[in-house]
Protein backbone atom coordinates (compact mmCIF):
# COMPACT_ATOMS: atom_id res chain seq x y z
CA MET A 1 -3.83 4.84 0.08
CA GLU A 2 -1.95 3.15 -3.25
CA SER A 3 -4.83 1.43 -3.65
CA ILE A 4 -7.16 4.65 -3.72
CA GLY A 5 -4.80 5.87 -5.66
CA ALA A 6 -5.18 2.86 -7.85
CA ASP A 7 -8.63 2.93 -8.29
CA TYR A 8 -9.49 6.61 -8.79
CA GLY A 9 -5.87 7.23 -11.17
CA VAL A 10 -4.14 9.89 -8.76
CA SER A 11 -1.29 9.41 -7.32
CA ARG A 12 -0.20 8.54 -3.91
CA SER A 13 0.84 11.84 -3.12
CA THR A 14 -2.85 13.38 -4.18
CA VAL A 15 -4.69 10.94 -2.18
CA CYS A 16 -2.54 12.31 1.12
CA GLU A 17 -3.12 15.81 0.22
CA THR A 18 -7.30 14.88 -0.49
CA ILE A 19 -7.10 13.55 2.68
CA GLN A 20 -5.20 15.90 4.96
CA TRP A 21 -7.54 19.27 2.83
CA VAL A 22 -10.84 16.62 4.18
CA GLU A 23 -9.42 16.59 7.88
CA ASP A 24 -8.46 20.51 8.25
CA THR A 25 -11.86 21.81 6.81
CA LEU A 26 -13.77 19.51 9.09
CA SER A 27 -11.76 20.00 12.17
CA LYS A 28 -11.81 24.23 10.96
CA ASP A 29 -15.38 23.86 10.76
CA LYS A 30 -17.37 24.49 13.80
CA THR A 31 -20.24 22.00 13.82
CA PHE A 32 -18.31 19.12 13.30
CA LYS A 33 -16.22 17.93 15.81
CA LEU A 34 -15.18 13.87 16.75
CA PRO A 35 -15.12 12.94 20.11
CA GLY A 36 -11.23 12.92 22.43
CA LYS A 37 -9.46 10.30 22.33
CA LYS A 38 -9.73 8.66 25.52
CA VAL A 39 -13.92 8.28 24.30
CA LEU A 40 -12.83 6.72 21.25
CA LYS A 41 -10.45 4.12 23.42
CA LYS A 42 -12.95 3.53 25.32
CA VAL A 43 -15.65 2.33 22.30
CA ALA A 44 -12.78 0.09 20.58
CA ASP A 45 -11.91 -1.73 24.01
CA GLU A 46 -15.67 -2.50 23.50
CA ILE A 47 -16.48 -5.62 20.91
CA GLN A 48 -20.03 -5.82 19.78
CA TYR A 49 -19.87 -7.93 16.86
CA ILE A 50 -17.48 -10.11 14.80
CA VAL A 51 -17.53 -10.43 11.38
CA VAL A 52 -15.63 -13.44 9.41
CA ASP A 53 -15.95 -12.91 5.96
CA MET A 54 -15.26 -17.43 4.28
CA THR A 55 -15.66 -17.07 1.14
CA ASP A 56 -12.87 -17.61 0.01
CA GLY A 57 -11.81 -20.15 2.73
CA LYS A 58 -12.09 -23.83 1.82
CA SER A 59 -14.75 -26.73 3.61
CA ASN A 60 -13.38 -28.78 5.97
CA THR A 61 -16.80 -30.72 5.79
CA THR A 62 -17.45 -34.11 3.98
CA PRO A 63 -20.43 -34.44 1.40
């Protein structure tokens, strides 16, 4: 949360309060509904893609 606050020039508490407001607002809206914990856990256990960022790595191959 510190990095979000730094990016937008606000404090960590402001970021926390804003996130809480968004969560509360969405949970009160009857058209927005997230699936339950069991559904989310089941989906999280199924790995479909693995992405590896190699932009900062050094190559071990010889030219």
